[in-house]
Amino acid sequence: MKTTTSTQKVFEKYDGRHYLLYFNETEKQVPAGQGEEQPVQTQYEYDNVIAECKEPSIEAFTEALAKAGYENAEIIATDIMLRAVQAGLVEGDALELAHKLMQGLIAQYDKSQAVNDFTLNGNHMWLDREMRRTLRERLAREQKKGSETMHITYEGQTFQMPIADAEFMLEELEDYATECFDKTAEHSQSAAALTDVDEILAYDFTTGYPPKLEF
C-alpha cells in the first residue's frame, strides 16, 4: 500500500518555532544535461507546508495542512509523524501511529466514491442515509396519493421513474450501504488486531466490498 508521505523526506526544522513538512513524493526522470542523448537522472519533488510549533506534533501538522487547504490533513500529519518515528527523527510509538493512520485510511476509503457510488441511467451519484430516508418518505406519500411516477433530483438533474422502480432502487441501495458499513467495520477490527507496523501498513482495506449498483 502506498501512503502519502515520502519515505525519503519527512520534515526538517525550519527555525526555533517552525517545521517544514515534506509529503506526496513525485519521482521524475529528467535529462542530466543539455542535448538529446544526455543521460537522465531521477529528481524528487514534494508538496510542502510550514507548521508552527516548538516540537513536532500531529495536532500542529494537521492544523498547518488544513490551513493550506489539504483534505484529510490529519491522515497526512499522522503519516508524517509515523515516518519521522521510523526514521529516528522524533520519539514516538510507531505501532500506535500505524494503527491511527490505518483507521484514518479505512474511514477515508469508506467515505470515498470508491464505495459511495452507483449509476442511474449512466450517471454516477450517491444518496447518503439522510437523503435515502427523505426519498423513502416522499415515496410513501406518492404511493398514498396513487402516483405512478416520482422525481429524484440530484445535483441539479431530475430523474423521473415509476414508483415501483424507485422503491426497488432505494431498497437495493439500503442493502448495499449496509453491506459496505459491515465490511468497513470488519476491516477496522481486522487492522486493529494487527501488532506489526509493516503488516498494518500493508493491510488491504479495499477488498470485499459489494459490486456497485447500476440502475
N, C-alpha and C. Protein backbone atom coordinates (compact mmCIF):
# COMPACT_ATOMS: atom_id res chain seq x y z
N MET A 1 0.84 -1.20 0.00
CA MET A 1 0.00 0.00 0.00
C MET A 1 0.88 1.25 0.00
N LYS A 2 0.55 2.21 -0.84
CA LYS A 2 1.27 3.47 -0.84
C LYS A 2 0.63 4.44 0.13
N THR A 3 1.47 5.11 0.89
CA THR A 3 0.96 6.18 1.73
C THR A 3 1.36 7.51 1.11
N THR A 4 0.83 8.61 1.65
CA THR A 4 1.02 9.90 1.01
C THR A 4 2.40 10.49 1.25
N THR A 5 3.06 10.05 2.32
CA THR A 5 4.30 10.69 2.72
C THR A 5 5.52 10.03 2.11
N SER A 6 6.47 10.82 1.68
CA SER A 6 7.72 10.29 1.17
C SER A 6 8.48 9.58 2.28
N THR A 7 9.10 8.46 1.95
CA THR A 7 9.93 7.77 2.94
C THR A 7 11.34 8.35 2.96
N GLN A 8 11.67 9.26 2.04
CA GLN A 8 13.00 9.85 1.99
C GLN A 8 13.07 11.15 2.77
N LYS A 9 12.02 11.94 2.72
CA LYS A 9 11.98 13.20 3.46
C LYS A 9 10.67 13.26 4.23
N VAL A 10 10.73 13.69 5.47
CA VAL A 10 9.53 13.76 6.29
C VAL A 10 9.31 15.19 6.73
N PHE A 11 10.19 15.70 7.56
CA PHE A 11 10.15 17.12 7.93
C PHE A 11 11.52 17.53 8.41
N GLU A 12 11.76 18.79 8.44
CA GLU A 12 13.01 19.30 8.98
C GLU A 12 12.72 20.61 9.70
N LYS A 13 13.55 20.90 10.68
CA LYS A 13 13.34 22.11 11.48
C LYS A 13 13.67 23.33 10.62
N TYR A 14 12.72 24.27 10.58
CA TYR A 14 12.89 25.47 9.78
C TYR A 14 13.56 26.57 10.60
N ASP A 15 13.13 26.73 11.83
CA ASP A 15 13.79 27.60 12.80
C ASP A 15 13.33 27.13 14.18
N GLY A 16 13.42 27.97 15.17
CA GLY A 16 13.08 27.54 16.51
C GLY A 16 11.62 27.26 16.75
N ARG A 17 10.73 27.74 15.87
CA ARG A 17 9.29 27.56 16.09
C ARG A 17 8.55 26.99 14.88
N HIS A 18 9.28 26.55 13.87
CA HIS A 18 8.62 26.06 12.66
C HIS A 18 9.28 24.78 12.15
N TYR A 19 8.44 23.97 11.51
CA TYR A 19 8.94 22.77 10.82
C TYR A 19 8.42 22.79 9.39
N LEU A 20 9.29 22.37 8.47
CA LEU A 20 8.92 22.28 7.07
C LEU A 20 8.56 20.83 6.77
N LEU A 21 7.32 20.60 6.38
CA LEU A 21 6.82 19.25 6.11
C LEU A 21 7.01 18.90 4.64
N TYR A 22 7.44 17.67 4.37
CA TYR A 22 7.55 17.17 3.01
C TYR A 22 6.62 15.97 2.86
N PHE A 23 5.84 15.92 1.78
CA PHE A 23 4.95 14.78 1.56
C PHE A 23 4.54 14.74 0.10
N ASN A 24 3.82 13.68 -0.27
CA ASN A 24 3.40 13.48 -1.67
C ASN A 24 4.59 13.50 -2.62
N GLU A 25 5.45 12.53 -2.44
CA GLU A 25 6.64 12.45 -3.29
C GLU A 25 6.27 12.16 -4.74
N THR A 26 6.89 12.89 -5.67
CA THR A 26 6.74 12.64 -7.11
C THR A 26 8.13 12.39 -7.69
N GLU A 27 8.28 11.27 -8.34
CA GLU A 27 9.56 10.91 -8.95
C GLU A 27 9.54 11.29 -10.43
N LYS A 28 10.56 12.00 -10.87
CA LYS A 28 10.64 12.42 -12.27
C LYS A 28 12.00 12.07 -12.85
N GLN A 29 12.00 11.67 -14.12
CA GLN A 29 13.23 11.42 -14.85
C GLN A 29 13.51 12.62 -15.75
N VAL A 30 14.64 13.28 -15.53
CA VAL A 30 14.96 14.49 -16.30
C VAL A 30 16.37 14.34 -16.87
N PRO A 31 16.65 15.02 -18.00
CA PRO A 31 17.99 14.97 -18.57
C PRO A 31 19.03 15.52 -17.61
N ALA A 32 20.21 14.87 -17.58
CA ALA A 32 21.28 15.32 -16.69
C ALA A 32 22.01 16.52 -17.26
N GLY A 33 21.80 16.80 -18.55
CA GLY A 33 22.44 17.94 -19.17
C GLY A 33 21.71 18.32 -20.44
N GLN A 34 22.28 19.20 -21.23
CA GLN A 34 21.64 19.62 -22.47
C GLN A 34 21.99 18.65 -23.59
N GLY A 35 21.07 18.52 -24.55
CA GLY A 35 21.31 17.62 -25.67
C GLY A 35 20.40 16.42 -25.60
N GLU A 36 20.04 15.88 -26.77
CA GLU A 36 19.08 14.79 -26.83
C GLU A 36 19.61 13.49 -26.27
N GLU A 37 20.94 13.27 -26.33
CA GLU A 37 21.49 11.99 -25.93
C GLU A 37 22.08 12.02 -24.52
N GLN A 38 21.76 13.03 -23.77
CA GLN A 38 22.28 13.12 -22.40
C GLN A 38 21.58 12.09 -21.51
N PRO A 39 22.31 11.49 -20.56
CA PRO A 39 21.67 10.55 -19.64
C PRO A 39 20.63 11.25 -18.77
N VAL A 40 19.74 10.45 -18.22
CA VAL A 40 18.69 11.02 -17.37
C VAL A 40 19.04 10.78 -15.91
N GLN A 41 18.50 11.60 -15.07
CA GLN A 41 18.67 11.44 -13.64
C GLN A 41 17.31 11.54 -12.96
N THR A 42 17.23 10.99 -11.77
CA THR A 42 15.98 10.99 -11.03
C THR A 42 15.91 12.19 -10.10
N GLN A 43 14.81 12.91 -10.17
CA GLN A 43 14.57 14.01 -9.25
C GLN A 43 13.28 13.73 -8.48
N TYR A 44 13.27 14.20 -7.24
CA TYR A 44 12.09 14.01 -6.40
C TYR A 44 11.52 15.37 -6.04
N GLU A 45 10.21 15.50 -6.23
CA GLU A 45 9.52 16.73 -5.86
C GLU A 45 8.49 16.41 -4.78
N TYR A 46 8.25 17.40 -3.92
CA TYR A 46 7.35 17.19 -2.79
C TYR A 46 6.42 18.39 -2.63
N ASP A 47 5.22 18.11 -2.13
CA ASP A 47 4.43 19.19 -1.57
C ASP A 47 5.07 19.57 -0.25
N ASN A 48 4.92 20.81 0.16
CA ASN A 48 5.48 21.18 1.46
C ASN A 48 4.64 22.26 2.11
N VAL A 49 4.63 22.23 3.43
CA VAL A 49 3.87 23.15 4.26
C VAL A 49 4.71 23.46 5.49
N ILE A 50 4.67 24.70 5.95
CA ILE A 50 5.38 25.08 7.17
C ILE A 50 4.40 25.05 8.34
N ALA A 51 4.76 24.29 9.37
CA ALA A 51 3.94 24.20 10.58
C ALA A 51 4.62 24.96 11.71
N GLU A 52 3.84 25.73 12.44
CA GLU A 52 4.38 26.49 13.56
C GLU A 52 4.21 25.70 14.85
N CYS A 53 5.32 25.28 15.43
CA CYS A 53 5.30 24.56 16.70
C CYS A 53 6.73 24.41 17.22
N LYS A 54 6.86 24.38 18.54
CA LYS A 54 8.19 24.19 19.13
C LYS A 54 8.66 22.76 19.00
N GLU A 55 7.72 21.82 19.09
CA GLU A 55 8.03 20.41 18.94
C GLU A 55 7.07 19.81 17.91
N PRO A 56 7.53 18.87 17.11
CA PRO A 56 6.64 18.27 16.10
C PRO A 56 5.48 17.54 16.75
N SER A 57 4.28 17.71 16.19
CA SER A 57 3.10 17.03 16.73
C SER A 57 2.06 16.86 15.62
N ILE A 58 1.24 15.83 15.76
CA ILE A 58 0.16 15.60 14.80
C ILE A 58 -0.78 16.79 14.78
N GLU A 59 -1.09 17.34 15.96
CA GLU A 59 -2.04 18.45 16.05
C GLU A 59 -1.54 19.67 15.27
N ALA A 60 -0.27 20.02 15.48
CA ALA A 60 0.29 21.19 14.79
C ALA A 60 0.38 20.96 13.29
N PHE A 61 0.80 19.77 12.90
CA PHE A 61 0.91 19.46 11.48
C PHE A 61 -0.47 19.43 10.82
N THR A 62 -1.45 18.88 11.53
CA THR A 62 -2.82 18.84 10.98
C THR A 62 -3.35 20.25 10.76
N GLU A 63 -3.14 21.11 11.73
CA GLU A 63 -3.60 22.49 11.61
C GLU A 63 -2.96 23.19 10.43
N ALA A 64 -1.65 23.00 10.26
CA ALA A 64 -0.95 23.65 9.15
C ALA A 64 -1.43 23.14 7.80
N LEU A 65 -1.62 21.83 7.69
CA LEU A 65 -2.09 21.25 6.44
C LEU A 65 -3.51 21.68 6.11
N ALA A 66 -4.36 21.74 7.14
CA ALA A 66 -5.75 22.17 6.93
C ALA A 66 -5.80 23.62 6.47
N LYS A 67 -4.98 24.47 7.08
CA LYS A 67 -4.94 25.88 6.68
C LYS A 67 -4.46 26.03 5.24
N ALA A 68 -3.60 25.12 4.81
CA ALA A 68 -3.09 25.16 3.44
C ALA A 68 -4.08 24.57 2.44
N GLY A 69 -5.20 24.06 2.93
CA GLY A 69 -6.25 23.59 2.04
C GLY A 69 -6.21 22.11 1.71
N TYR A 70 -5.41 21.34 2.43
CA TYR A 70 -5.33 19.91 2.15
C TYR A 70 -6.47 19.16 2.83
N GLU A 71 -7.14 18.31 2.06
CA GLU A 71 -8.15 17.44 2.64
C GLU A 71 -7.44 16.31 3.39
N ASN A 72 -8.15 15.73 4.34
CA ASN A 72 -7.60 14.63 5.12
C ASN A 72 -6.26 15.01 5.76
N ALA A 73 -6.23 16.22 6.30
CA ALA A 73 -4.99 16.76 6.88
C ALA A 73 -4.47 15.88 8.01
N GLU A 74 -5.37 15.35 8.82
CA GLU A 74 -4.91 14.54 9.96
C GLU A 74 -4.26 13.25 9.50
N ILE A 75 -4.76 12.67 8.41
CA ILE A 75 -4.15 11.45 7.87
C ILE A 75 -2.73 11.74 7.40
N ILE A 76 -2.55 12.83 6.67
CA ILE A 76 -1.22 13.19 6.18
C ILE A 76 -0.29 13.48 7.36
N ALA A 77 -0.80 14.20 8.36
CA ALA A 77 0.01 14.53 9.53
C ALA A 77 0.42 13.27 10.29
N THR A 78 -0.50 12.34 10.44
CA THR A 78 -0.19 11.09 11.13
C THR A 78 0.87 10.31 10.37
N ASP A 79 0.74 10.27 9.06
CA ASP A 79 1.71 9.59 8.21
C ASP A 79 3.10 10.21 8.35
N ILE A 80 3.14 11.52 8.36
CA ILE A 80 4.41 12.23 8.51
C ILE A 80 5.06 11.87 9.85
N MET A 81 4.29 11.88 10.92
CA MET A 81 4.83 11.56 12.23
C MET A 81 5.30 10.11 12.30
N LEU A 82 4.55 9.19 11.70
CA LEU A 82 4.97 7.79 11.69
C LEU A 82 6.31 7.63 11.01
N ARG A 83 6.46 8.25 9.82
CA ARG A 83 7.73 8.13 9.09
C ARG A 83 8.87 8.77 9.87
N ALA A 84 8.56 9.83 10.58
CA ALA A 84 9.58 10.50 11.38
C ALA A 84 10.05 9.60 12.52
N VAL A 85 9.10 8.92 13.17
CA VAL A 85 9.45 7.99 14.24
C VAL A 85 10.28 6.84 13.69
N GLN A 86 9.86 6.29 12.56
CA GLN A 86 10.59 5.19 11.96
C GLN A 86 12.00 5.59 11.53
N ALA A 87 12.16 6.86 11.14
CA ALA A 87 13.48 7.34 10.72
C ALA A 87 14.33 7.79 11.90
N GLY A 88 13.78 7.75 13.09
CA GLY A 88 14.52 8.15 14.26
C GLY A 88 14.65 9.66 14.43
N LEU A 89 13.79 10.41 13.75
CA LEU A 89 13.86 11.87 13.84
C LEU A 89 13.13 12.40 15.07
N VAL A 90 12.23 11.60 15.61
CA VAL A 90 11.46 12.03 16.77
C VAL A 90 11.03 10.78 17.53
N GLU A 91 10.84 10.92 18.83
CA GLU A 91 10.39 9.78 19.62
C GLU A 91 8.88 9.62 19.50
N GLY A 92 8.43 8.38 19.57
CA GLY A 92 7.01 8.12 19.48
C GLY A 92 6.75 6.64 19.37
N ASP A 93 5.48 6.27 19.44
CA ASP A 93 5.05 4.87 19.36
C ASP A 93 4.64 4.57 17.92
N ALA A 94 5.52 3.91 17.19
CA ALA A 94 5.25 3.63 15.78
C ALA A 94 4.01 2.76 15.61
N LEU A 95 3.80 1.80 16.50
CA LEU A 95 2.64 0.91 16.39
C LEU A 95 1.35 1.70 16.58
N GLU A 96 1.33 2.57 17.57
CA GLU A 96 0.14 3.38 17.81
C GLU A 96 -0.14 4.30 16.62
N LEU A 97 0.91 4.90 16.07
CA LEU A 97 0.74 5.78 14.92
C LEU A 97 0.27 5.01 13.70
N ALA A 98 0.81 3.80 13.50
CA ALA A 98 0.39 2.99 12.36
C ALA A 98 -1.09 2.63 12.47
N HIS A 99 -1.54 2.29 13.66
CA HIS A 99 -2.96 2.00 13.86
C HIS A 99 -3.81 3.23 13.58
N LYS A 100 -3.39 4.37 14.07
CA LYS A 100 -4.15 5.60 13.85
C LYS A 100 -4.22 5.93 12.36
N LEU A 101 -3.10 5.75 11.68
CA LEU A 101 -3.06 6.02 10.24
C LEU A 101 -4.00 5.09 9.49
N MET A 102 -3.92 3.79 9.80
CA MET A 102 -4.74 2.82 9.08
C MET A 102 -6.22 3.05 9.33
N GLN A 103 -6.60 3.36 10.56
CA GLN A 103 -8.01 3.62 10.84
C GLN A 103 -8.50 4.84 10.07
N GLY A 104 -7.63 5.85 9.95
CA GLY A 104 -7.99 7.03 9.16
C GLY A 104 -8.16 6.70 7.69
N LEU A 105 -7.27 5.86 7.16
CA LEU A 105 -7.36 5.48 5.75
C LEU A 105 -8.60 4.64 5.48
N ILE A 106 -8.94 3.75 6.40
CA ILE A 106 -10.15 2.93 6.24
C ILE A 106 -11.39 3.81 6.23
N ALA A 107 -11.45 4.77 7.16
CA ALA A 107 -12.61 5.68 7.20
C ALA A 107 -12.66 6.55 5.96
N GLN A 108 -11.51 7.00 5.48
CA GLN A 108 -11.45 7.82 4.27
C GLN A 108 -11.97 7.04 3.07
N TYR A 109 -11.56 5.79 2.95
CA TYR A 109 -12.00 4.96 1.83
C TYR A 109 -13.50 4.72 1.90
N ASP A 110 -14.01 4.49 3.11
CA ASP A 110 -15.43 4.25 3.31
C ASP A 110 -16.28 5.43 2.85
N LYS A 111 -15.74 6.63 2.97
CA LYS A 111 -16.48 7.83 2.58
C LYS A 111 -16.23 8.25 1.13
N SER A 112 -15.35 7.54 0.45
CA SER A 112 -14.95 7.96 -0.89
C SER A 112 -15.89 7.42 -1.96
N GLN A 113 -15.68 7.91 -3.19
CA GLN A 113 -16.51 7.46 -4.31
C GLN A 113 -16.22 6.00 -4.66
N ALA A 114 -15.09 5.48 -4.18
CA ALA A 114 -14.80 4.07 -4.41
C ALA A 114 -15.87 3.18 -3.79
N VAL A 115 -16.53 3.67 -2.75
CA VAL A 115 -17.60 2.94 -2.07
C VAL A 115 -18.94 3.62 -2.28
N ASN A 116 -18.99 4.91 -2.05
CA ASN A 116 -20.25 5.65 -2.11
C ASN A 116 -20.55 6.10 -3.53
N ASP A 117 -21.04 5.16 -4.31
CA ASP A 117 -21.27 5.46 -5.73
C ASP A 117 -22.20 4.42 -6.33
N PHE A 118 -23.11 4.86 -7.19
CA PHE A 118 -23.90 3.97 -8.04
C PHE A 118 -24.24 4.74 -9.30
N THR A 119 -24.77 4.06 -10.30
CA THR A 119 -25.12 4.75 -11.54
C THR A 119 -26.62 4.61 -11.79
N LEU A 120 -27.19 5.72 -12.23
CA LEU A 120 -28.60 5.77 -12.63
C LEU A 120 -28.65 6.33 -14.04
N ASN A 121 -29.08 5.52 -14.98
CA ASN A 121 -29.10 5.92 -16.39
C ASN A 121 -27.73 6.42 -16.85
N GLY A 122 -26.68 5.76 -16.35
CA GLY A 122 -25.32 6.12 -16.75
C GLY A 122 -24.71 7.27 -15.96
N ASN A 123 -25.44 7.84 -15.02
CA ASN A 123 -24.96 8.97 -14.22
C ASN A 123 -24.48 8.48 -12.86
N HIS A 124 -23.24 8.82 -12.51
CA HIS A 124 -22.70 8.45 -11.21
C HIS A 124 -23.27 9.38 -10.14
N MET A 125 -23.68 8.80 -9.03
CA MET A 125 -24.23 9.60 -7.94
C MET A 125 -24.17 8.81 -6.65
N TRP A 126 -24.55 9.47 -5.56
CA TRP A 126 -24.67 8.79 -4.28
C TRP A 126 -25.75 9.45 -3.46
N LEU A 127 -26.54 8.64 -2.77
CA LEU A 127 -27.58 9.13 -1.86
C LEU A 127 -27.18 8.69 -0.45
N ASP A 128 -26.84 9.66 0.41
CA ASP A 128 -26.45 9.30 1.76
C ASP A 128 -27.67 8.85 2.57
N ARG A 129 -27.43 8.44 3.81
CA ARG A 129 -28.50 7.88 4.61
C ARG A 129 -29.66 8.86 4.79
N GLU A 130 -29.35 10.12 5.03
CA GLU A 130 -30.41 11.11 5.23
C GLU A 130 -31.22 11.32 3.95
N MET A 131 -30.53 11.33 2.82
CA MET A 131 -31.23 11.53 1.55
C MET A 131 -32.10 10.31 1.22
N ARG A 132 -31.59 9.12 1.54
CA ARG A 132 -32.40 7.91 1.30
C ARG A 132 -33.64 7.92 2.17
N ARG A 133 -33.50 8.35 3.42
CA ARG A 133 -34.65 8.44 4.31
C ARG A 133 -35.69 9.43 3.77
N THR A 134 -35.22 10.58 3.30
CA THR A 134 -36.12 11.59 2.74
C THR A 134 -36.86 11.07 1.52
N LEU A 135 -36.15 10.35 0.66
CA LEU A 135 -36.77 9.82 -0.54
C LEU A 135 -37.78 8.72 -0.22
N ARG A 136 -37.49 7.92 0.79
CA ARG A 136 -38.46 6.89 1.19
C ARG A 136 -39.74 7.53 1.72
N GLU A 137 -39.59 8.61 2.46
CA GLU A 137 -40.77 9.33 2.95
C GLU A 137 -41.57 9.90 1.79
N ARG A 138 -40.86 10.46 0.83
CA ARG A 138 -41.55 11.02 -0.34
C ARG A 138 -42.22 9.90 -1.14
N LEU A 139 -41.54 8.77 -1.26
CA LEU A 139 -42.10 7.64 -1.98
C LEU A 139 -43.40 7.19 -1.34
N ALA A 140 -43.43 7.14 -0.01
CA ALA A 140 -44.65 6.73 0.70
C ALA A 140 -45.79 7.71 0.43
N ARG A 141 -45.47 9.00 0.37
CA ARG A 141 -46.52 9.99 0.09
C ARG A 141 -47.04 9.85 -1.33
N GLU A 142 -46.13 9.60 -2.27
CA GLU A 142 -46.54 9.45 -3.66
C GLU A 142 -47.41 8.21 -3.83
N GLN A 143 -47.04 7.14 -3.12
CA GLN A 143 -47.85 5.91 -3.20
C GLN A 143 -49.24 6.15 -2.61
N LYS A 144 -49.28 6.89 -1.51
CA LYS A 144 -50.56 7.18 -0.86
C LYS A 144 -51.47 7.98 -1.77
N LYS A 145 -50.85 8.88 -2.57
CA LYS A 145 -51.64 9.70 -3.50
C LYS A 145 -52.04 8.93 -4.75
N GLY A 146 -51.46 7.74 -4.92
CA GLY A 146 -51.76 6.96 -6.10
C GLY A 146 -50.94 7.34 -7.31
N SER A 147 -49.83 8.04 -7.11
CA SER A 147 -48.98 8.45 -8.22
C SER A 147 -48.32 7.23 -8.85
N GLU A 148 -48.08 7.32 -10.13
CA GLU A 148 -47.43 6.22 -10.84
C GLU A 148 -45.93 6.45 -11.01
N THR A 149 -45.52 7.72 -10.91
CA THR A 149 -44.09 8.05 -11.05
C THR A 149 -43.67 9.01 -9.95
N MET A 150 -42.35 9.12 -9.77
CA MET A 150 -41.82 10.12 -8.84
C MET A 150 -40.53 10.68 -9.42
N HIS A 151 -40.16 11.86 -8.95
CA HIS A 151 -38.96 12.52 -9.43
C HIS A 151 -37.87 12.48 -8.37
N ILE A 152 -36.65 12.28 -8.82
CA ILE A 152 -35.48 12.36 -7.94
C ILE A 152 -34.55 13.40 -8.53
N THR A 153 -34.23 14.41 -7.75
CA THR A 153 -33.33 15.47 -8.20
C THR A 153 -31.98 15.29 -7.54
N TYR A 154 -30.93 15.31 -8.35
CA TYR A 154 -29.57 15.12 -7.85
C TYR A 154 -28.63 16.08 -8.57
N GLU A 155 -28.02 16.97 -7.79
CA GLU A 155 -27.07 17.95 -8.32
C GLU A 155 -27.64 18.68 -9.54
N GLY A 156 -28.87 19.12 -9.43
CA GLY A 156 -29.50 19.93 -10.47
C GLY A 156 -30.10 19.14 -11.60
N GLN A 157 -29.97 17.82 -11.58
CA GLN A 157 -30.53 17.00 -12.64
C GLN A 157 -31.70 16.19 -12.08
N THR A 158 -32.81 16.15 -12.82
CA THR A 158 -34.01 15.47 -12.35
C THR A 158 -34.22 14.18 -13.12
N PHE A 159 -34.51 13.12 -12.37
CA PHE A 159 -34.77 11.80 -12.95
C PHE A 159 -36.19 11.39 -12.59
N GLN A 160 -36.94 10.98 -13.59
CA GLN A 160 -38.31 10.51 -13.37
C GLN A 160 -38.34 9.01 -13.55
N MET A 161 -39.00 8.32 -12.62
CA MET A 161 -39.07 6.86 -12.73
C MET A 161 -40.37 6.36 -12.14
N PRO A 162 -40.80 5.17 -12.58
CA PRO A 162 -42.00 4.58 -11.99
C PRO A 162 -41.81 4.35 -10.49
N ILE A 163 -42.90 4.41 -9.75
CA ILE A 163 -42.86 4.23 -8.31
C ILE A 163 -42.20 2.90 -7.95
N ALA A 164 -42.56 1.84 -8.65
CA ALA A 164 -42.01 0.52 -8.35
C ALA A 164 -40.49 0.49 -8.54
N ASP A 165 -40.01 1.18 -9.57
CA ASP A 165 -38.57 1.22 -9.83
C ASP A 165 -37.85 2.01 -8.74
N ALA A 166 -38.46 3.10 -8.31
CA ALA A 166 -37.85 3.92 -7.26
C ALA A 166 -37.78 3.14 -5.95
N GLU A 167 -38.85 2.40 -5.65
CA GLU A 167 -38.88 1.59 -4.43
C GLU A 167 -37.80 0.52 -4.47
N PHE A 168 -37.67 -0.14 -5.61
CA PHE A 168 -36.65 -1.17 -5.78
C PHE A 168 -35.25 -0.58 -5.62
N MET A 169 -35.02 0.56 -6.24
CA MET A 169 -33.71 1.19 -6.18
C MET A 169 -33.33 1.54 -4.75
N LEU A 170 -34.25 2.13 -4.00
CA LEU A 170 -33.96 2.52 -2.63
C LEU A 170 -33.71 1.31 -1.73
N GLU A 171 -34.44 0.23 -1.96
CA GLU A 171 -34.21 -0.98 -1.19
C GLU A 171 -32.83 -1.57 -1.50
N GLU A 172 -32.46 -1.58 -2.77
CA GLU A 172 -31.15 -2.10 -3.17
C GLU A 172 -30.02 -1.23 -2.60
N LEU A 173 -30.21 0.08 -2.63
CA LEU A 173 -29.21 0.98 -2.08
C LEU A 173 -29.04 0.80 -0.58
N GLU A 174 -30.15 0.57 0.11
CA GLU A 174 -30.07 0.37 1.55
C GLU A 174 -29.30 -0.92 1.87
N ASP A 175 -29.56 -1.97 1.10
CA ASP A 175 -28.83 -3.22 1.30
C ASP A 175 -27.35 -3.03 1.00
N TYR A 176 -27.05 -2.32 -0.09
CA TYR A 176 -25.66 -2.05 -0.47
C TYR A 176 -24.95 -1.26 0.63
N ALA A 177 -25.60 -0.22 1.12
CA ALA A 177 -24.98 0.62 2.15
C ALA A 177 -24.72 -0.17 3.43
N THR A 178 -25.64 -1.07 3.77
CA THR A 178 -25.47 -1.90 4.96
C THR A 178 -24.29 -2.85 4.80
N GLU A 179 -24.16 -3.46 3.62
CA GLU A 179 -23.03 -4.35 3.36
C GLU A 179 -21.71 -3.59 3.44
N CYS A 180 -21.68 -2.38 2.89
CA CYS A 180 -20.46 -1.57 2.93
C CYS A 180 -20.11 -1.20 4.37
N PHE A 181 -21.12 -0.83 5.15
CA PHE A 181 -20.90 -0.49 6.55
C PHE A 181 -20.29 -1.68 7.30
N ASP A 182 -20.85 -2.86 7.08
CA ASP A 182 -20.34 -4.06 7.75
C ASP A 182 -18.92 -4.37 7.33
N LYS A 183 -18.63 -4.22 6.04
CA LYS A 183 -17.28 -4.51 5.55
C LYS A 183 -16.26 -3.53 6.11
N THR A 184 -16.63 -2.25 6.19
CA THR A 184 -15.74 -1.26 6.78
C THR A 184 -15.45 -1.58 8.24
N ALA A 185 -16.49 -1.97 8.98
CA ALA A 185 -16.31 -2.34 10.38
C ALA A 185 -15.40 -3.56 10.50
N GLU A 186 -15.55 -4.50 9.59
CA GLU A 186 -14.70 -5.70 9.60
C GLU A 186 -13.24 -5.33 9.35
N HIS A 187 -13.00 -4.47 8.37
CA HIS A 187 -11.63 -4.04 8.09
C HIS A 187 -11.04 -3.30 9.29
N SER A 188 -11.84 -2.46 9.91
CA SER A 188 -11.36 -1.70 11.06
C SER A 188 -10.95 -2.63 12.19
N GLN A 189 -11.75 -3.65 12.46
CA GLN A 189 -11.43 -4.59 13.52
C GLN A 189 -10.22 -5.45 13.16
N SER A 190 -10.13 -5.87 11.91
CA SER A 190 -9.00 -6.71 11.49
C SER A 190 -7.69 -5.94 11.58
N ALA A 191 -7.69 -4.70 11.13
CA ALA A 191 -6.47 -3.90 11.18
C ALA A 191 -6.07 -3.60 12.62
N ALA A 192 -7.08 -3.36 13.47
CA ALA A 192 -6.81 -3.05 14.87
C ALA A 192 -6.17 -4.23 15.60
N ALA A 193 -6.40 -5.44 15.12
CA ALA A 193 -5.86 -6.64 15.78
C ALA A 193 -4.41 -6.91 15.42
N LEU A 194 -3.88 -6.24 14.40
CA LEU A 194 -2.50 -6.46 13.97
C LEU A 194 -1.53 -5.81 14.94
N THR A 195 -0.38 -6.44 15.11
CA THR A 195 0.60 -5.95 16.09
C THR A 195 1.96 -5.64 15.47
N ASP A 196 2.04 -5.68 14.16
CA ASP A 196 3.29 -5.38 13.46
C ASP A 196 3.07 -4.18 12.55
N VAL A 197 3.95 -3.20 12.62
CA VAL A 197 3.78 -1.96 11.85
C VAL A 197 3.72 -2.24 10.36
N ASP A 198 4.64 -3.06 9.86
CA ASP A 198 4.65 -3.34 8.42
C ASP A 198 3.37 -4.05 7.98
N GLU A 199 2.87 -4.95 8.80
CA GLU A 199 1.63 -5.65 8.46
C GLU A 199 0.45 -4.67 8.44
N ILE A 200 0.46 -3.75 9.36
CA ILE A 200 -0.62 -2.76 9.40
C ILE A 200 -0.60 -1.92 8.14
N LEU A 201 0.58 -1.43 7.76
CA LEU A 201 0.68 -0.57 6.58
C LEU A 201 0.40 -1.33 5.29
N ALA A 202 0.60 -2.63 5.31
CA ALA A 202 0.36 -3.44 4.11
C ALA A 202 -1.08 -3.94 4.05
N TYR A 203 -1.87 -3.68 5.08
CA TYR A 203 -3.24 -4.20 5.12
C TYR A 203 -4.08 -3.61 3.98
N ASP A 204 -4.74 -4.47 3.23
CA ASP A 204 -5.56 -4.04 2.09
C ASP A 204 -7.01 -3.87 2.55
N PHE A 205 -7.40 -2.62 2.73
CA PHE A 205 -8.74 -2.31 3.23
C PHE A 205 -9.74 -2.07 2.10
N THR A 206 -9.34 -2.34 0.87
CA THR A 206 -10.23 -2.08 -0.27
C THR A 206 -10.98 -3.33 -0.73
N THR A 207 -10.68 -4.47 -0.12
CA THR A 207 -11.26 -5.73 -0.60
C THR A 207 -12.60 -6.02 0.06
N GLY A 208 -13.39 -6.85 -0.63
CA GLY A 208 -14.60 -7.41 -0.03
C GLY A 208 -15.85 -6.56 -0.12
N TYR A 209 -15.75 -5.37 -0.67
CA TYR A 209 -16.95 -4.53 -0.78
C TYR A 209 -17.85 -5.07 -1.90
N PRO A 210 -19.15 -4.91 -1.77
CA PRO A 210 -20.07 -5.40 -2.80
C PRO A 210 -19.91 -4.65 -4.11
N PRO A 211 -20.28 -5.27 -5.22
CA PRO A 211 -20.21 -4.56 -6.51
C PRO A 211 -21.12 -3.33 -6.49
N LYS A 212 -20.69 -2.29 -7.20
CA LYS A 212 -21.51 -1.10 -7.28
C LYS A 212 -22.78 -1.38 -8.07
N LEU A 213 -23.83 -0.68 -7.70
CA LEU A 213 -25.13 -0.90 -8.32
C LEU A 213 -25.30 -0.05 -9.57
N GLU A 214 -26.03 -0.60 -10.52
CA GLU A 214 -26.38 0.13 -11.74
C GLU A 214 -27.88 0.01 -11.96
N PHE A 215 -28.51 1.14 -12.22
CA PHE A 215 -29.96 1.17 -12.46
C PHE A 215 -30.26 1.82 -13.81
